[in-house]
Amino acid sequence: MAKSTYIRLIPESSAPGDASAAYAEWFASNPGRPAVPDILKCFAHRPDFFRDVVAFSDRLHFCDGHLTYRIKEMLATLVSALNQCRY
């Protein structure tokens, strides 16, 4: 059973104004992805912060550094599984 969130998520289909533009920017930089992840949708109430979170995540997580991208993804998957989180 999927857990609900305390923060209302804004669906792509009904995102207003700047939230819709922020989603469009995300889709442009993530070709082939069918939807904005729910973990990001909670930030769409503040499109400026949504963009900041995406930029921070891209710089920190979605790049190689001390750990490779692959290792970071494996760690994130393990932590999510241990926390029973679908993200």
C-alpha atoms as a PDB file:
ATOM      1  CA  MET A   1       0.000   0.000   0.000  1.00  0.00           C
ATOM      2  CA  ALA A   2       1.391   3.382  -0.999  1.00  0.00           C
ATOM      3  CA  LYS A   3       1.739   5.900   1.781  1.00  0.00           C
ATOM      4  CA  SER A   4       0.248   9.336   1.350  1.00  0.00           C
ATOM      5  CA  THR A   5       2.198  12.532   1.867  1.00  0.00           C
ATOM      6  CA  TYR A   6       1.436  15.386   4.227  1.00  0.00           C
ATOM      7  CA  ILE A   7       2.300  17.878   1.505  1.00  0.00           C
ATOM      8  CA  ARG A   8      -0.095  18.094  -1.431  1.00  0.00           C
ATOM      9  CA  LEU A   9       1.793  17.112  -4.566  1.00  0.00           C
ATOM     10  CA  ILE A  10       1.195  19.136  -7.710  1.00  0.00           C
ATOM     11  CA  PRO A  11       0.557  16.884 -10.729  1.00  0.00           C
ATOM     12  CA  GLU A  12       2.276  17.848 -13.964  1.00  0.00           C
ATOM     13  CA  SER A  13      -1.089  18.130 -15.722  1.00  0.00           C
ATOM     14  CA  SER A  14      -2.415  20.784 -13.345  1.00  0.00           C
ATOM     15  CA  ALA A  15       0.741  22.654 -12.349  1.00  0.00           C
ATOM     16  CA  PRO A  16       0.131  26.404 -12.484  1.00  0.00           C
ATOM     17  CA  GLY A  17       2.388  29.021 -14.111  1.00  0.00           C
ATOM     18  CA  ASP A  18       5.953  28.886 -12.852  1.00  0.00           C
ATOM     19  CA  ALA A  19       5.530  25.388 -11.386  1.00  0.00           C
ATOM     20  CA  SER A  20       4.581  24.180 -14.858  1.00  0.00           C
ATOM     21  CA  ALA A  21       7.640  25.947 -16.281  1.00  0.00           C
ATOM     22  CA  ALA A  22       9.892  24.349 -13.621  1.00  0.00           C
ATOM     23  CA  TYR A  23       8.475  20.926 -14.499  1.00  0.00           C
ATOM     24  CA  ALA A  24       9.093  21.614 -18.202  1.00  0.00           C
ATOM     25  CA  GLU A  25      12.720  22.512 -17.422  1.00  0.00           C
ATOM     26  CA  TRP A  26      13.092  19.277 -15.456  1.00  0.00           C
ATOM     27  CA  PHE A  27      11.660  17.231 -18.352  1.00  0.00           C
ATOM     28  CA  ALA A  28      13.998  19.002 -20.803  1.00  0.00           C
ATOM     29  CA  SER A  29      17.025  17.970 -18.757  1.00  0.00           C
ATOM     30  CA  ASN A  30      15.695  14.430 -18.108  1.00  0.00           C
ATOM     31  CA  PRO A  31      14.637  13.114 -21.519  1.00  0.00           C
ATOM     32  CA  GLY A  32      12.725   9.868 -21.496  1.00  0.00           C
ATOM     33  CA  ARG A  33      11.500  10.201 -17.926  1.00  0.00           C
ATOM     34  CA  PRO A  34       7.708   9.722 -17.868  1.00  0.00           C
ATOM     35  CA  ALA A  35       7.016  11.844 -14.773  1.00  0.00           C
ATOM     36  CA  VAL A  36       8.592  14.179 -12.246  1.00  0.00           C
ATOM     37  CA  PRO A  37       9.403  12.062  -9.163  1.00  0.00           C
ATOM     38  CA  ASP A  38       6.996  12.617  -6.269  1.00  0.00           C
ATOM     39  CA  ILE A  39       9.919  13.448  -4.003  1.00  0.00           C
ATOM     40  CA  LEU A  40      10.458  16.568  -6.156  1.00  0.00           C
ATOM     41  CA  LYS A  41       6.784  17.434  -6.642  1.00  0.00           C
ATOM     42  CA  CYS A  42       6.478  18.436  -3.004  1.00  0.00           C
ATOM     43  CA  PHE A  43       8.756  21.407  -3.801  1.00  0.00           C
ATOM     44  CA  ALA A  44       6.622  22.647  -6.704  1.00  0.00           C
ATOM     45  CA  HIS A  45       4.694  24.971  -4.390  1.00  0.00           C
ATOM     46  CA  ARG A  46       7.910  27.030  -4.487  1.00  0.00           C
ATOM     47  CA  PRO A  47       9.209  26.684  -8.064  1.00  0.00           C
ATOM     48  CA  ASP A  48      12.337  28.679  -7.174  1.00  0.00           C
ATOM     49  CA  PHE A  49      13.165  26.172  -4.431  1.00  0.00           C
ATOM     50  CA  PHE A  50      12.251  23.260  -6.744  1.00  0.00           C
ATOM     51  CA  ARG A  51      14.917  24.531  -9.155  1.00  0.00           C
ATOM     52  CA  ASP A  52      17.428  24.933  -6.310  1.00  0.00           C
ATOM     53  CA  VAL A  53      16.816  21.361  -5.089  1.00  0.00           C
ATOM     54  CA  VAL A  54      17.173  19.954  -8.607  1.00  0.00           C
ATOM     55  CA  ALA A  55      20.400  21.925  -9.202  1.00  0.00           C
ATOM     56  CA  PHE A  56      21.830  20.855  -5.831  1.00  0.00           C
ATOM     57  CA  SER A  57      20.912  17.234  -6.459  1.00  0.00           C
ATOM     58  CA  ASP A  58      22.480  17.333  -9.926  1.00  0.00           C
ATOM     59  CA  ARG A  59      25.734  18.758  -8.511  1.00  0.00           C
ATOM     60  CA  LEU A  60      25.880  16.449  -5.511  1.00  0.00           C
ATOM     61  CA  HIS A  61      24.264  13.174  -6.455  1.00  0.00           C
ATOM     62  CA  PHE A  62      24.084  12.879 -10.210  1.00  0.00           C
ATOM     63  CA  CYS A  63      27.789  13.202 -10.865  1.00  0.00           C
ATOM     64  CA  ASP A  64      30.978  11.326 -10.144  1.00  0.00           C
ATOM     65  CA  GLY A  65      33.101  12.531  -7.272  1.00  0.00           C
ATOM     66  CA  HIS A  66      34.722  10.639  -4.416  1.00  0.00           C
ATOM     67  CA  LEU A  67      32.022   8.010  -5.061  1.00  0.00           C
ATOM     68  CA  THR A  68      30.795   7.132  -8.526  1.00  0.00           C
ATOM     69  CA  TYR A  69      27.226   7.801  -9.576  1.00  0.00           C
ATOM     70  CA  ARG A  70      26.613   4.047  -9.581  1.00  0.00           C
ATOM     71  CA  ILE A  71      27.783   3.623  -5.958  1.00  0.00           C
ATOM     72  CA  LYS A  72      25.642   6.608  -4.880  1.00  0.00           C
ATOM     73  CA  GLU A  73      22.584   5.030  -6.530  1.00  0.00           C
ATOM     74  CA  MET A  74      23.265   1.685  -4.826  1.00  0.00           C
ATOM     75  CA  LEU A  75      23.577   3.396  -1.431  1.00  0.00           C
ATOM     76  CA  ALA A  76      20.390   5.398  -2.013  1.00  0.00           C
ATOM     77  CA  THR A  77      18.538   2.222  -3.000  1.00  0.00           C
ATOM     78  CA  LEU A  78      19.745   0.400   0.104  1.00  0.00           C
ATOM     79  CA  VAL A  79      18.798   3.256   2.440  1.00  0.00           C
ATOM     80  CA  SER A  80      15.364   3.565   0.812  1.00  0.00           C
ATOM     81  CA  ALA A  81      14.768  -0.170   1.200  1.00  0.00           C
ATOM     82  CA  LEU A  82      15.853  -0.110   4.853  1.00  0.00           C
ATOM     83  CA  ASN A  83      13.493   2.825   5.476  1.00  0.00           C
ATOM     84  CA  GLN A  84      10.687   1.126   3.526  1.00  0.00           C
ATOM     85  CA  CYS A  85      10.582   4.172   1.265  1.00  0.00           C
ATOM     86  CA  ARG A  86       9.587   3.830  -2.360  1.00  0.00           C
ATOM     87  CA  TYR A  87      12.062   6.549  -3.347  1.00  0.00           C
END
